[in-house]
Amino acid sequence: MSIEYRKNCAIVHYEADRLDAASAPYFRKNIDEQMTEQRNTLILDLKAVKFMDSSGLGAVVSLMQNLQEGTDLLLCGAGDNIRTLLRKTRLDNILPLHIDAESAASTVH
């Protein structure tokens, strides 16, 4: 996992192919440890993720809930399986999905 900082956003590149029960604790811990700067928007890049289960989904929701007030969470790079999961759980209505980090960052003011 790596974090790239831009003007008003932080882009988290999650580089593992799974976000599941085994990796969700690592995801949560490393986001907390690596987020050294507060930004208006956090973009979570999921392009490497091929599989996400309920624990992974819970980790994303937990991330959203733990952001400081006024900080938005955007998702990008989600493949078909992840987009289907987000649609089925209706999280795509809460978490905006973008094709890639560049398009997500372009929406940040």
PDB file of N, CA and C in Angstrom:
ATOM      1  N   MET A   1       0.847  -1.162   0.000  1.00  0.00           N
ATOM      2  CA  MET A   1       0.000   0.000   0.000  1.00  0.00           C
ATOM      3  C   MET A   1       0.898   1.232   0.000  1.00  0.00           C
ATOM      4  N   SER A   2       0.516   2.204  -0.824  1.00  0.00           N
ATOM      5  CA  SER A   2       1.246   3.463  -0.833  1.00  0.00           C
ATOM      6  C   SER A   2       0.237   4.604  -0.878  1.00  0.00           C
ATOM      7  N   ILE A   3       0.663   5.765  -0.379  1.00  0.00           N
ATOM      8  CA  ILE A   3      -0.197   6.935  -0.358  1.00  0.00           C
ATOM      9  C   ILE A   3       0.500   8.070  -1.078  1.00  0.00           C
ATOM     10  N   GLU A   4      -0.223   8.659  -2.004  1.00  0.00           N
ATOM     11  CA  GLU A   4       0.270   9.782  -2.792  1.00  0.00           C
ATOM     12  C   GLU A   4      -0.544  11.013  -2.406  1.00  0.00           C
ATOM     13  N   TYR A   5       0.126  12.094  -2.079  1.00  0.00           N
ATOM     14  CA  TYR A   5      -0.564  13.313  -1.685  1.00  0.00           C
ATOM     15  C   TYR A   5      -0.568  14.309  -2.836  1.00  0.00           C
ATOM     16  N   ARG A   6      -1.733  14.873  -3.074  1.00  0.00           N
ATOM     17  CA  ARG A   6      -1.884  15.948  -4.055  1.00  0.00           C
ATOM     18  C   ARG A   6      -2.515  17.129  -3.336  1.00  0.00           C
ATOM     19  N   LYS A   7      -2.797  18.193  -4.060  1.00  0.00           N
ATOM     20  CA  LYS A   7      -3.292  19.426  -3.444  1.00  0.00           C
ATOM     21  C   LYS A   7      -4.321  19.185  -2.348  1.00  0.00           C
ATOM     22  N   ASN A   8      -5.498  18.734  -2.702  1.00  0.00           N
ATOM     23  CA  ASN A   8      -6.570  18.569  -1.717  1.00  0.00           C
ATOM     24  C   ASN A   8      -6.969  17.119  -1.511  1.00  0.00           C
ATOM     25  N   CYS A   9      -6.138  16.186  -1.946  1.00  0.00           N
ATOM     26  CA  CYS A   9      -6.518  14.786  -1.781  1.00  0.00           C
ATOM     27  C   CYS A   9      -5.308  13.905  -1.485  1.00  0.00           C
ATOM     28  N   ALA A  10      -5.621  12.766  -0.902  1.00  0.00           N
ATOM     29  CA  ALA A  10      -4.644  11.706  -0.693  1.00  0.00           C
ATOM     30  C   ALA A  10      -5.143  10.502  -1.474  1.00  0.00           C
ATOM     31  N   ILE A  11      -4.280   9.892  -2.256  1.00  0.00           N
ATOM     32  CA  ILE A  11      -4.649   8.723  -3.051  1.00  0.00           C
ATOM     33  C   ILE A  11      -3.972   7.509  -2.434  1.00  0.00           C
ATOM     34  N   VAL A  12      -4.788   6.570  -1.958  1.00  0.00           N
ATOM     35  CA  VAL A  12      -4.286   5.329  -1.377  1.00  0.00           C
ATOM     36  C   VAL A  12      -4.300   4.276  -2.474  1.00  0.00           C
ATOM     37  N   HIS A  13      -3.125   3.792  -2.839  1.00  0.00           N
ATOM     38  CA  HIS A  13      -3.001   2.724  -3.839  1.00  0.00           C
ATOM     39  C   HIS A  13      -2.897   1.407  -3.069  1.00  0.00           C
ATOM     40  N   TYR A  14      -4.011   0.666  -3.036  1.00  0.00           N
ATOM     41  CA  TYR A  14      -4.003  -0.640  -2.368  1.00  0.00           C
ATOM     42  C   TYR A  14      -3.533  -1.652  -3.398  1.00  0.00           C
ATOM     43  N   GLU A  15      -2.380  -2.270  -3.178  1.00  0.00           N
ATOM     44  CA  GLU A  15      -1.716  -3.047  -4.215  1.00  0.00           C
ATOM     45  C   GLU A  15      -1.882  -4.551  -4.102  1.00  0.00           C
ATOM     46  N   ALA A  16      -2.622  -5.019  -3.099  1.00  0.00           N
ATOM     47  CA  ALA A  16      -2.855  -6.461  -2.971  1.00  0.00           C
ATOM     48  C   ALA A  16      -4.028  -6.868  -3.860  1.00  0.00           C
ATOM     49  N   ASP A  17      -4.074  -8.140  -4.246  1.00  0.00           N
ATOM     50  CA  ASP A  17      -5.156  -8.589  -5.126  1.00  0.00           C
ATOM     51  C   ASP A  17      -6.408  -9.012  -4.362  1.00  0.00           C
ATOM     52  N   ARG A  18      -6.315  -9.047  -3.020  1.00  0.00           N
ATOM     53  CA  ARG A  18      -7.472  -9.425  -2.197  1.00  0.00           C
ATOM     54  C   ARG A  18      -7.641  -8.431  -1.051  1.00  0.00           C
ATOM     55  N   LEU A  19      -8.893  -8.137  -0.769  1.00  0.00           N
ATOM     56  CA  LEU A  19      -9.232  -7.377   0.428  1.00  0.00           C
ATOM     57  C   LEU A  19     -10.303  -8.202   1.113  1.00  0.00           C
ATOM     58  N   ASP A  20      -9.845  -9.062   2.022  1.00  0.00           N
ATOM     59  CA  ASP A  20     -10.723 -10.062   2.630  1.00  0.00           C
ATOM     60  C   ASP A  20     -10.417 -10.182   4.123  1.00  0.00           C
ATOM     61  N   ALA A  21     -10.966 -11.213   4.746  1.00  0.00           N
ATOM     62  CA  ALA A  21     -10.805 -11.400   6.192  1.00  0.00           C
ATOM     63  C   ALA A  21      -9.331 -11.444   6.598  1.00  0.00           C
ATOM     64  N   ALA A  22      -8.499 -12.024   5.763  1.00  0.00           N
ATOM     65  CA  ALA A  22      -7.074 -12.134   6.092  1.00  0.00           C
ATOM     66  C   ALA A  22      -6.339 -10.805   5.952  1.00  0.00           C
ATOM     67  N   SER A  23      -6.724  -9.988   4.992  1.00  0.00           N
ATOM     68  CA  SER A  23      -5.983  -8.748   4.727  1.00  0.00           C
ATOM     69  C   SER A  23      -6.630  -7.488   5.289  1.00  0.00           C
ATOM     70  N   ALA A  24      -7.897  -7.545   5.691  1.00  0.00           N
ATOM     71  CA  ALA A  24      -8.589  -6.350   6.193  1.00  0.00           C
ATOM     72  C   ALA A  24      -7.899  -5.728   7.416  1.00  0.00           C
ATOM     73  N   PRO A  25      -7.435  -6.529   8.394  1.00  0.00           N
ATOM     74  CA  PRO A  25      -6.734  -5.905   9.528  1.00  0.00           C
ATOM     75  C   PRO A  25      -5.465  -5.157   9.097  1.00  0.00           C
ATOM     76  N   TYR A  26      -4.713  -5.723   8.164  1.00  0.00           N
ATOM     77  CA  TYR A  26      -3.519  -5.058   7.615  1.00  0.00           C
ATOM     78  C   TYR A  26      -3.916  -3.745   6.942  1.00  0.00           C
ATOM     79  N   PHE A  27      -4.982  -3.784   6.147  1.00  0.00           N
ATOM     80  CA  PHE A  27      -5.480  -2.602   5.445  1.00  0.00           C
ATOM     81  C   PHE A  27      -5.800  -1.495   6.455  1.00  0.00           C
ATOM     82  N   ARG A  28      -6.592  -1.822   7.465  1.00  0.00           N
ATOM     83  CA  ARG A  28      -6.993  -0.826   8.469  1.00  0.00           C
ATOM     84  C   ARG A  28      -5.775  -0.248   9.198  1.00  0.00           C
ATOM     85  N   LYS A  29      -4.885  -1.119   9.634  1.00  0.00           N
ATOM     86  CA  LYS A  29      -3.706  -0.682  10.396  1.00  0.00           C
ATOM     87  C   LYS A  29      -2.813   0.224   9.552  1.00  0.00           C
ATOM     88  N   ASN A  30      -2.552  -0.171   8.316  1.00  0.00           N
ATOM     89  CA  ASN A  30      -1.645   0.604   7.481  1.00  0.00           C
ATOM     90  C   ASN A  30      -2.233   1.928   7.021  1.00  0.00           C
ATOM     91  N   ILE A  31      -3.526   1.980   6.805  1.00  0.00           N
ATOM     92  CA  ILE A  31      -4.146   3.270   6.469  1.00  0.00           C
ATOM     93  C   ILE A  31      -3.934   4.231   7.634  1.00  0.00           C
ATOM     94  N   ASP A  32      -4.202   3.759   8.839  1.00  0.00           N
ATOM     95  CA  ASP A  32      -4.040   4.609  10.025  1.00  0.00           C
ATOM     96  C   ASP A  32      -2.593   5.072  10.192  1.00  0.00           C
ATOM     97  N   GLU A  33      -1.646   4.172   9.980  1.00  0.00           N
ATOM     98  CA  GLU A  33      -0.229   4.493  10.169  1.00  0.00           C
ATOM     99  C   GLU A  33       0.315   5.401   9.074  1.00  0.00           C
ATOM    100  N   GLN A  34      -0.152   5.202   7.840  1.00  0.00           N
ATOM    101  CA  GLN A  34       0.433   5.924   6.722  1.00  0.00           C
ATOM    102  C   GLN A  34      -0.233   7.265   6.416  1.00  0.00           C
ATOM    103  N   MET A  35      -1.424   7.479   6.919  1.00  0.00           N
ATOM    104  CA  MET A  35      -2.096   8.757   6.666  1.00  0.00           C
ATOM    105  C   MET A  35      -1.474   9.827   7.549  1.00  0.00           C
ATOM    106  N   THR A  36      -0.445  10.469   7.033  1.00  0.00           N
ATOM    107  CA  THR A  36       0.280  11.460   7.816  1.00  0.00           C
ATOM    108  C   THR A  36      -0.235  12.871   7.599  1.00  0.00           C
ATOM    109  N   GLU A  37      -0.998  13.085   6.543  1.00  0.00           N
ATOM    110  CA  GLU A  37      -1.495  14.418   6.233  1.00  0.00           C
ATOM    111  C   GLU A  37      -2.996  14.357   5.975  1.00  0.00           C
ATOM    112  N   GLN A  38      -3.732  15.301   6.539  1.00  0.00           N
ATOM    113  CA  GLN A  38      -5.174  15.371   6.331  1.00  0.00           C
ATOM    114  C   GLN A  38      -5.465  16.081   5.004  1.00  0.00           C
ATOM    115  N   ARG A  39      -6.387  15.554   4.254  1.00  0.00           N
ATOM    116  CA  ARG A  39      -6.820  16.149   2.999  1.00  0.00           C
ATOM    117  C   ARG A  39      -8.339  16.197   2.971  1.00  0.00           C
ATOM    118  N   ASN A  40      -8.895  16.995   2.063  1.00  0.00           N
ATOM    119  CA  ASN A  40     -10.350  17.105   1.923  1.00  0.00           C
ATOM    120  C   ASN A  40     -10.966  15.832   1.368  1.00  0.00           C
ATOM    121  N   THR A  41     -10.180  15.097   0.601  1.00  0.00           N
ATOM    122  CA  THR A  41     -10.687  13.896  -0.064  1.00  0.00           C
ATOM    123  C   THR A  41      -9.655  12.779   0.023  1.00  0.00           C
ATOM    124  N   LEU A  42     -10.149  11.577   0.275  1.00  0.00           N
ATOM    125  CA  LEU A  42      -9.326  10.373   0.241  1.00  0.00           C
ATOM    126  C   LEU A  42      -9.823   9.527  -0.925  1.00  0.00           C
ATOM    127  N   ILE A  43      -8.928   9.199  -1.830  1.00  0.00           N
ATOM    128  CA  ILE A  43      -9.257   8.364  -2.980  1.00  0.00           C
ATOM    129  C   ILE A  43      -8.631   6.996  -2.742  1.00  0.00           C
ATOM    130  N   LEU A  44      -9.470   5.964  -2.765  1.00  0.00           N
ATOM    131  CA  LEU A  44      -8.997   4.599  -2.578  1.00  0.00           C
ATOM    132  C   LEU A  44      -8.939   3.918  -3.935  1.00  0.00           C
ATOM    133  N   ASP A  45      -7.723   3.628  -4.388  1.00  0.00           N
ATOM    134  CA  ASP A  45      -7.487   3.005  -5.695  1.00  0.00           C
ATOM    135  C   ASP A  45      -7.492   1.480  -5.526  1.00  0.00           C
ATOM    136  N   LEU A  46      -8.495   0.848  -6.105  1.00  0.00           N
ATOM    137  CA  LEU A  46      -8.686  -0.603  -5.963  1.00  0.00           C
ATOM    138  C   LEU A  46      -8.357  -1.379  -7.248  1.00  0.00           C
ATOM    139  N   LYS A  47      -7.576  -0.789  -8.143  1.00  0.00           N
ATOM    140  CA  LYS A  47      -7.343  -1.451  -9.433  1.00  0.00           C
ATOM    141  C   LYS A  47      -6.664  -2.816  -9.311  1.00  0.00           C
ATOM    142  N   ALA A  48      -5.889  -3.045  -8.267  1.00  0.00           N
ATOM    143  CA  ALA A  48      -5.219  -4.339  -8.105  1.00  0.00           C
ATOM    144  C   ALA A  48      -6.120  -5.391  -7.468  1.00  0.00           C
ATOM    145  N   VAL A  49      -7.206  -4.970  -6.835  1.00  0.00           N
ATOM    146  CA  VAL A  49      -8.069  -5.885  -6.078  1.00  0.00           C
ATOM    147  C   VAL A  49      -8.945  -6.701  -7.024  1.00  0.00           C
ATOM    148  N   LYS A  50      -8.807  -8.008  -6.944  1.00  0.00           N
ATOM    149  CA  LYS A  50      -9.615  -8.929  -7.759  1.00  0.00           C
ATOM    150  C   LYS A  50     -10.739  -9.560  -6.953  1.00  0.00           C
ATOM    151  N   PHE A  51     -10.554  -9.608  -5.609  1.00  0.00           N
ATOM    152  CA  PHE A  51     -11.549 -10.239  -4.741  1.00  0.00           C
ATOM    153  C   PHE A  51     -11.717  -9.426  -3.470  1.00  0.00           C
ATOM    154  N   MET A  52     -12.979  -9.206  -3.089  1.00  0.00           N
ATOM    155  CA  MET A  52     -13.290  -8.535  -1.834  1.00  0.00           C
ATOM    156  C   MET A  52     -14.460  -9.268  -1.199  1.00  0.00           C
ATOM    157  N   ASP A  53     -14.318  -9.597   0.087  1.00  0.00           N
ATOM    158  CA  ASP A  53     -15.422 -10.239   0.799  1.00  0.00           C
ATOM    159  C   ASP A  53     -16.038  -9.233   1.774  1.00  0.00           C
ATOM    160  N   SER A  54     -16.921  -9.718   2.641  1.00  0.00           N
ATOM    161  CA  SER A  54     -17.611  -8.820   3.567  1.00  0.00           C
ATOM    162  C   SER A  54     -16.644  -8.141   4.535  1.00  0.00           C
ATOM    163  N   SER A  55     -15.556  -8.804   4.893  1.00  0.00           N
ATOM    164  CA  SER A  55     -14.563  -8.178   5.776  1.00  0.00           C
ATOM    165  C   SER A  55     -13.859  -7.029   5.067  1.00  0.00           C
ATOM    166  N   GLY A  56     -13.547  -7.218   3.816  1.00  0.00           N
ATOM    167  CA  GLY A  56     -12.936  -6.151   3.022  1.00  0.00           C
ATOM    168  C   GLY A  56     -13.895  -4.988   2.849  1.00  0.00           C
ATOM    169  N   LEU A  57     -15.140  -5.312   2.578  1.00  0.00           N
ATOM    170  CA  LEU A  57     -16.170  -4.290   2.455  1.00  0.00           C
ATOM    171  C   LEU A  57     -16.322  -3.535   3.775  1.00  0.00           C
ATOM    172  N   GLY A  58     -16.291  -4.273   4.866  1.00  0.00           N
ATOM    173  CA  GLY A  58     -16.366  -3.656   6.185  1.00  0.00           C
ATOM    174  C   GLY A  58     -15.193  -2.732   6.454  1.00  0.00           C
ATOM    175  N   ALA A  59     -14.016  -3.102   5.977  1.00  0.00           N
ATOM    176  CA  ALA A  59     -12.834  -2.262   6.160  1.00  0.00           C
ATOM    177  C   ALA A  59     -12.986  -0.943   5.405  1.00  0.00           C
ATOM    178  N   VAL A  60     -13.570  -1.001   4.218  1.00  0.00           N
ATOM    179  CA  VAL A  60     -13.798   0.220   3.432  1.00  0.00           C
ATOM    180  C   VAL A  60     -14.833   1.101   4.126  1.00  0.00           C
ATOM    181  N   VAL A  61     -15.922   0.497   4.609  1.00  0.00           N
ATOM    182  CA  VAL A  61     -16.955   1.256   5.319  1.00  0.00           C
ATOM    183  C   VAL A  61     -16.378   1.859   6.602  1.00  0.00           C
ATOM    184  N   SER A  62     -15.570   1.097   7.320  1.00  0.00           N
ATOM    185  CA  SER A  62     -14.926   1.590   8.535  1.00  0.00           C
ATOM    186  C   SER A  62     -14.025   2.777   8.219  1.00  0.00           C
ATOM    187  N   LEU A  63     -13.283   2.679   7.129  1.00  0.00           N
ATOM    188  CA  LEU A  63     -12.434   3.785   6.696  1.00  0.00           C
ATOM    189  C   LEU A  63     -13.285   5.027   6.473  1.00  0.00           C
ATOM    190  N   MET A  64     -14.396   4.874   5.767  1.00  0.00           N
ATOM    191  CA  MET A  64     -15.292   5.986   5.485  1.00  0.00           C
ATOM    192  C   MET A  64     -15.804   6.608   6.789  1.00  0.00           C
ATOM    193  N   GLN A  65     -16.198   5.774   7.728  1.00  0.00           N
ATOM    194  CA  GLN A  65     -16.759   6.263   8.986  1.00  0.00           C
ATOM    195  C   GLN A  65     -15.720   6.938   9.876  1.00  0.00           C
ATOM    196  N   ASN A  66     -14.460   6.549   9.744  1.00  0.00           N
ATOM    197  CA  ASN A  66     -13.412   7.089  10.606  1.00  0.00           C
ATOM    198  C   ASN A  66     -12.714   8.321  10.043  1.00  0.00           C
ATOM    199  N   LEU A  67     -13.088   8.727   8.841  1.00  0.00           N
ATOM    200  CA  LEU A  67     -12.487   9.933   8.276  1.00  0.00           C
ATOM    201  C   LEU A  67     -12.959  11.145   9.074  1.00  0.00           C
ATOM    202  N   GLN A  68     -12.108  12.139   9.140  1.00  0.00           N
ATOM    203  CA  GLN A  68     -12.495  13.365   9.828  1.00  0.00           C
ATOM    204  C   GLN A  68     -13.684  13.990   9.120  1.00  0.00           C
ATOM    205  N   GLU A  69     -14.508  14.679   9.896  1.00  0.00           N
ATOM    206  CA  GLU A  69     -15.675  15.337   9.327  1.00  0.00           C
ATOM    207  C   GLU A  69     -15.243  16.277   8.206  1.00  0.00           C
ATOM    208  N   GLY A  70     -15.967  16.222   7.104  1.00  0.00           N
ATOM    209  CA  GLY A  70     -15.653  17.057   5.953  1.00  0.00           C
ATOM    210  C   GLY A  70     -14.720  16.405   4.955  1.00  0.00           C
ATOM    211  N   THR A  71     -14.259  15.198   5.248  1.00  0.00           N
ATOM    212  CA  THR A  71     -13.390  14.475   4.318  1.00  0.00           C
ATOM    213  C   THR A  71     -14.225  13.471   3.537  1.00  0.00           C
ATOM    214  N   ASP A  72     -14.128  13.527   2.218  1.00  0.00           N
ATOM    215  CA  ASP A  72     -14.872  12.618   1.352  1.00  0.00           C
ATOM    216  C   ASP A  72     -14.022  11.417   0.979  1.00  0.00           C
ATOM    217  N   LEU A  73     -14.692  10.292   0.748  1.00  0.00           N
ATOM    218  CA  LEU A  73     -14.027   9.079   0.269  1.00  0.00           C
ATOM    219  C   LEU A  73     -14.539   8.773  -1.125  1.00  0.00           C
ATOM    220  N   LEU A  74     -13.629   8.622  -2.074  1.00  0.00           N
ATOM    221  CA  LEU A  74     -13.950   8.224  -3.436  1.00  0.00           C
ATOM    222  C   LEU A  74     -13.236   6.913  -3.731  1.00  0.00           C
ATOM    223  N   LEU A  75     -13.847   6.060  -4.524  1.00  0.00           N
ATOM    224  CA  LEU A  75     -13.228   4.804  -4.946  1.00  0.00           C
ATOM    225  C   LEU A  75     -12.900   4.886  -6.424  1.00  0.00           C
ATOM    226  N   CYS A  76     -11.830   4.239  -6.814  1.00  0.00           N
ATOM    227  CA  CYS A  76     -11.489   4.202  -8.239  1.00  0.00           C
ATOM    228  C   CYS A  76     -10.822   2.877  -8.580  1.00  0.00           C
ATOM    229  N   GLY A  77     -10.817   2.587  -9.862  1.00  0.00           N
ATOM    230  CA  GLY A  77     -10.117   1.424 -10.378  1.00  0.00           C
ATOM    231  C   GLY A  77     -10.768   0.089 -10.100  1.00  0.00           C
ATOM    232  N   ALA A  78     -11.974   0.084  -9.553  1.00  0.00           N
ATOM    233  CA  ALA A  78     -12.632  -1.176  -9.199  1.00  0.00           C
ATOM    234  C   ALA A  78     -12.972  -1.971 -10.451  1.00  0.00           C
ATOM    235  N   GLY A  79     -12.592  -3.241 -10.456  1.00  0.00           N
ATOM    236  CA  GLY A  79     -12.922  -4.135 -11.560  1.00  0.00           C
ATOM    237  C   GLY A  79     -14.378  -4.574 -11.493  1.00  0.00           C
ATOM    238  N   ASP A  80     -14.768  -5.388 -12.447  1.00  0.00           N
ATOM    239  CA  ASP A  80     -16.159  -5.831 -12.540  1.00  0.00           C
ATOM    240  C   ASP A  80     -16.665  -6.498 -11.268  1.00  0.00           C
ATOM    241  N   ASN A  81     -15.865  -7.391 -10.685  1.00  0.00           N
ATOM    242  CA  ASN A  81     -16.300  -8.100  -9.472  1.00  0.00           C
ATOM    243  C   ASN A  81     -16.548  -7.146  -8.315  1.00  0.00           C
ATOM    244  N   ILE A  82     -15.668  -6.181  -8.156  1.00  0.00           N
ATOM    245  CA  ILE A  82     -15.796  -5.232  -7.048  1.00  0.00           C
ATOM    246  C   ILE A  82     -16.967  -4.290  -7.306  1.00  0.00           C
ATOM    247  N   ARG A  83     -17.124  -3.827  -8.540  1.00  0.00           N
ATOM    248  CA  ARG A  83     -18.268  -2.959  -8.869  1.00  0.00           C
ATOM    249  C   ARG A  83     -19.583  -3.688  -8.643  1.00  0.00           C
ATOM    250  N   THR A  84     -19.641  -4.963  -8.997  1.00  0.00           N
ATOM    251  CA  THR A  84     -20.853  -5.758  -8.770  1.00  0.00           C
ATOM    252  C   THR A  84     -21.155  -5.852  -7.278  1.00  0.00           C
ATOM    253  N   LEU A  85     -20.134  -6.122  -6.466  1.00  0.00           N
ATOM    254  CA  LEU A  85     -20.313  -6.195  -5.021  1.00  0.00           C
ATOM    255  C   LEU A  85     -20.823  -4.865  -4.462  1.00  0.00           C
ATOM    256  N   LEU A  86     -20.246  -3.763  -4.910  1.00  0.00           N
ATOM    257  CA  LEU A  86     -20.674  -2.449  -4.429  1.00  0.00           C
ATOM    258  C   LEU A  86     -22.108  -2.142  -4.854  1.00  0.00           C
ATOM    259  N   ARG A  87     -22.491  -2.568  -6.059  1.00  0.00           N
ATOM    260  CA  ARG A  87     -23.880  -2.374  -6.513  1.00  0.00           C
ATOM    261  C   ARG A  87     -24.845  -3.217  -5.699  1.00  0.00           C
ATOM    262  N   LYS A  88     -24.494  -4.475  -5.461  1.00  0.00           N
ATOM    263  CA  LYS A  88     -25.378  -5.372  -4.703  1.00  0.00           C
ATOM    264  C   LYS A  88     -25.605  -4.879  -3.278  1.00  0.00           C
ATOM    265  N   THR A  89     -24.594  -4.281  -2.691  1.00  0.00           N
ATOM    266  CA  THR A  89     -24.716  -3.777  -1.324  1.00  0.00           C
ATOM    267  C   THR A  89     -25.168  -2.319  -1.295  1.00  0.00           C
ATOM    268  N   ARG A  90     -25.368  -1.765  -2.464  1.00  0.00           N
ATOM    269  CA  ARG A  90     -25.813  -0.371  -2.651  1.00  0.00           C
ATOM    270  C   ARG A  90     -24.804   0.658  -2.132  1.00  0.00           C
ATOM    271  N   LEU A  91     -23.591   0.234  -1.931  1.00  0.00           N
ATOM    272  CA  LEU A  91     -22.561   1.183  -1.515  1.00  0.00           C
ATOM    273  C   LEU A  91     -22.136   2.098  -2.654  1.00  0.00           C
ATOM    274  N   ASP A  92     -22.434   1.701  -3.894  1.00  0.00           N
ATOM    275  CA  ASP A  92     -22.117   2.571  -5.022  1.00  0.00           C
ATOM    276  C   ASP A  92     -22.947   3.853  -4.979  1.00  0.00           C
ATOM    277  N   ASN A  93     -24.048   3.861  -4.207  1.00  0.00           N
ATOM    278  CA  ASN A  93     -24.848   5.075  -4.023  1.00  0.00           C
ATOM    279  C   ASN A  93     -24.221   6.024  -3.010  1.00  0.00           C
ATOM    280  N   ILE A  94     -23.362   5.491  -2.142  1.00  0.00           N
ATOM    281  CA  ILE A  94     -22.740   6.283  -1.080  1.00  0.00           C
ATOM    282  C   ILE A  94     -21.305   6.657  -1.437  1.00  0.00           C
ATOM    283  N   LEU A  95     -20.590   5.712  -2.048  1.00  0.00           N
ATOM    284  CA  LEU A  95     -19.189   5.910  -2.390  1.00  0.00           C
ATOM    285  C   LEU A  95     -19.052   6.090  -3.900  1.00  0.00           C
ATOM    286  N   PRO A  96     -18.779   7.298  -4.357  1.00  0.00           N
ATOM    287  CA  PRO A  96     -18.633   7.523  -5.794  1.00  0.00           C
ATOM    288  C   PRO A  96     -17.515   6.657  -6.382  1.00  0.00           C
ATOM    289  N   LEU A  97     -17.818   6.048  -7.536  1.00  0.00           N
ATOM    290  CA  LEU A  97     -16.850   5.205  -8.240  1.00  0.00           C
ATOM    291  C   LEU A  97     -16.308   5.953  -9.455  1.00  0.00           C
ATOM    292  N   HIS A  98     -15.001   5.886  -9.621  1.00  0.00           N
ATOM    293  CA  HIS A  98     -14.348   6.519 -10.764  1.00  0.00           C
ATOM    294  C   HIS A  98     -13.490   5.482 -11.476  1.00  0.00           C
ATOM    295  N   ILE A  99     -13.234   5.722 -12.731  1.00  0.00           N
ATOM    296  CA  ILE A  99     -12.464   4.774 -13.543  1.00  0.00           C
ATOM    297  C   ILE A  99     -11.044   4.624 -13.017  1.00  0.00           C
ATOM    298  N   ASP A 100     -10.395   5.740 -12.711  1.00  0.00           N
ATOM    299  CA  ASP A 100      -9.017   5.696 -12.228  1.00  0.00           C
ATOM    300  C   ASP A 100      -8.758   6.867 -11.286  1.00  0.00           C
ATOM    301  N   ALA A 101      -7.573   6.889 -10.722  1.00  0.00           N
ATOM    302  CA  ALA A 101      -7.218   7.923  -9.744  1.00  0.00           C
ATOM    303  C   ALA A 101      -7.223   9.309 -10.369  1.00  0.00           C
ATOM    304  N   GLU A 102      -6.799   9.399 -11.615  1.00  0.00           N
ATOM    305  CA  GLU A 102      -6.772  10.701 -12.292  1.00  0.00           C
ATOM    306  C   GLU A 102      -8.165  11.290 -12.430  1.00  0.00           C
ATOM    307  N   SER A 103      -9.131  10.477 -12.854  1.00  0.00           N
ATOM    308  CA  SER A 103     -10.494  10.998 -13.014  1.00  0.00           C
ATOM    309  C   SER A 103     -11.109  11.333 -11.662  1.00  0.00           C
ATOM    310  N   ALA A 104     -10.809  10.540 -10.631  1.00  0.00           N
ATOM    311  CA  ALA A 104     -11.303  10.853  -9.294  1.00  0.00           C
ATOM    312  C   ALA A 104     -10.695  12.159  -8.788  1.00  0.00           C
ATOM    313  N   ALA A 105      -9.394  12.320  -8.956  1.00  0.00           N
ATOM    314  CA  ALA A 105      -8.714  13.523  -8.490  1.00  0.00           C
ATOM    315  C   ALA A 105      -9.196  14.763  -9.231  1.00  0.00           C
ATOM    316  N   SER A 106      -9.614  14.599 -10.473  1.00  0.00           N
ATOM    317  CA  SER A 106     -10.082  15.748 -11.245  1.00  0.00           C
ATOM    318  C   SER A 106     -11.397  16.315 -10.718  1.00  0.00           C
ATOM    319  N   THR A 107     -12.113  15.534  -9.896  1.00  0.00           N
ATOM    320  CA  THR A 107     -13.373  16.014  -9.328  1.00  0.00           C
ATOM    321  C   THR A 107     -13.186  16.744  -8.011  1.00  0.00           C
ATOM    322  N   VAL A 108     -11.988  16.701  -7.463  1.00  0.00           N
ATOM    323  CA  VAL A 108     -11.699  17.315  -6.165  1.00  0.00           C
ATOM    324  C   VAL A 108     -11.404  18.796  -6.350  1.00  0.00           C
ATOM    325  N   HIS A 109     -12.042  19.616  -5.538  1.00  0.00           N
ATOM    326  CA  HIS A 109     -11.833  21.075  -5.638  1.00  0.00           C
ATOM    327  C   HIS A 109     -10.859  21.550  -4.598  1.00  0.00           C
TER     328      HIS A 109
END
